[in-house]
Amino acid sequence: MDLEFDGEIWFWRGPAPWHFVTVPQAHCVEIAANADLVTYGWGMIPVAVRVGATDYTTSLWPKDGAYIVPIKTAVRKAERVDVGDTVTVRLTLDV
């Protein structure tokens, strides 16, 4: 399953701070329909991600009935993006 969308980078200041982009609700419905096929527990879903010209692997995190994509520091630096910037995210889920 391949999905592409634009989203704003935001920062979570929890005990382990991290940057994310929220997956749009329409895509979340599609992901949730296939989640049981790919999750490895706690609702985490492994994905291949592309932001700009940078590819990496991570897992979608479930949050408030949606999913969020972690944006690694190395990706933000390589793409010269930060909090408040809108990026195009391409997700690939192996279902």
Protein backbone atom coordinates (compact mmCIF):
# COMPACT_ATOMS: atom_id res chain seq x y z
CA MET A 1 0.00 0.00 0.00
CA ASP A 2 1.44 3.37 -1.06
CA LEU A 3 0.10 6.63 0.36
CA GLU A 4 1.20 10.22 -0.22
CA PHE A 5 0.11 13.38 1.58
CA ASP A 6 1.27 16.78 2.77
CA GLY A 7 1.51 17.52 6.47
CA GLU A 8 2.99 19.97 8.94
CA ILE A 9 5.87 18.94 11.19
CA TRP A 10 5.05 19.29 14.88
CA PHE A 11 7.02 18.68 18.08
CA TRP A 12 5.99 16.53 21.02
CA ARG A 13 7.67 17.62 24.27
CA GLY A 14 7.12 14.40 26.20
CA PRO A 15 9.73 12.55 28.26
CA ALA A 16 11.30 11.48 24.95
CA PRO A 17 10.76 14.52 22.67
CA TRP A 18 10.20 13.80 18.98
CA HIS A 19 9.01 15.39 15.72
CA PHE A 20 5.98 14.07 13.82
CA VAL A 21 3.61 14.58 10.90
CA THR A 22 -0.02 13.50 11.38
CA VAL A 23 -1.48 11.19 8.75
CA PRO A 24 -4.72 12.63 7.28
CA GLN A 25 -7.89 10.93 8.54
CA ALA A 26 -8.85 9.45 5.14
CA HIS A 27 -5.52 7.61 5.00
CA CYS A 28 -5.85 6.56 8.66
CA VAL A 29 -9.07 4.73 7.82
CA GLU A 30 -7.30 2.86 5.02
CA ILE A 31 -4.33 2.03 7.26
CA ALA A 32 -6.57 0.87 10.12
CA ALA A 33 -8.38 -1.50 7.75
CA ASN A 34 -5.06 -3.28 7.17
CA ALA A 35 -3.44 -2.78 10.58
CA ASP A 36 -4.00 -6.35 11.79
CA LEU A 37 -1.96 -7.62 8.84
CA VAL A 38 1.13 -5.55 9.63
CA THR A 39 1.24 -4.41 13.26
CA TYR A 40 3.89 -5.84 15.52
CA GLY A 41 2.11 -4.81 18.71
CA TRP A 42 0.79 -1.72 20.53
CA GLY A 43 -0.73 -0.61 17.21
CA MET A 44 2.70 0.23 15.78
CA ILE A 45 2.89 -0.27 12.00
CA PRO A 46 6.24 -0.61 10.21
CA VAL A 47 6.57 1.60 7.12
CA ALA A 48 9.05 2.83 4.57
CA VAL A 49 8.94 6.64 4.41
CA ARG A 50 10.12 9.25 1.95
CA VAL A 51 10.29 12.93 2.86
CA GLY A 52 11.72 15.00 0.02
CA ALA A 53 14.63 12.97 -1.36
CA THR A 54 15.27 11.12 1.92
CA ASP A 55 14.14 7.52 2.45
CA TYR A 56 14.03 5.80 5.84
CA THR A 57 12.15 3.17 7.80
CA THR A 58 10.17 3.71 10.97
CA SER A 59 6.78 2.81 12.43
CA LEU A 60 3.52 4.70 12.48
CA TRP A 61 2.36 5.44 16.00
CA PRO A 62 -1.34 5.34 16.89
CA LYS A 63 -2.54 8.58 18.51
CA ASP A 64 -6.07 9.78 19.25
CA GLY A 65 -7.69 7.52 16.63
CA ALA A 66 -5.16 8.48 13.96
CA TYR A 67 -1.55 7.70 13.11
CA ILE A 68 1.55 9.86 13.32
CA VAL A 69 4.81 9.55 11.38
CA PRO A 70 8.06 10.13 13.30
CA ILE A 71 10.39 12.49 11.43
CA LYS A 72 13.97 11.63 12.35
CA THR A 73 16.51 14.35 13.11
CA ALA A 74 18.73 13.19 10.24
CA VAL A 75 15.78 13.57 7.85
CA ARG A 76 14.95 17.07 9.08
CA LYS A 77 18.59 18.11 8.69
CA ALA A 78 18.98 16.52 5.24
CA GLU A 79 15.78 18.14 3.98
CA ARG A 80 16.31 21.42 5.87
CA VAL A 81 12.86 21.33 7.45
CA ASP A 82 11.66 21.92 10.99
CA VAL A 83 8.59 22.53 13.14
CA GLY A 84 5.83 24.30 11.23
CA ASP A 85 7.14 23.35 7.78
CA THR A 86 4.81 21.43 5.47
CA VAL A 87 6.38 18.37 3.84
CA THR A 88 5.21 15.75 1.38
CA VAL A 89 5.28 12.29 2.99
CA ARG A 90 5.17 9.05 1.04
CA LEU A 91 4.41 5.90 3.06
CA THR A 92 4.77 2.32 1.92
CA LEU A 93 3.16 -0.46 3.98
CA ASP A 94 3.81 -4.07 3.06
CA VAL A 95 0.39 -5.72 3.30
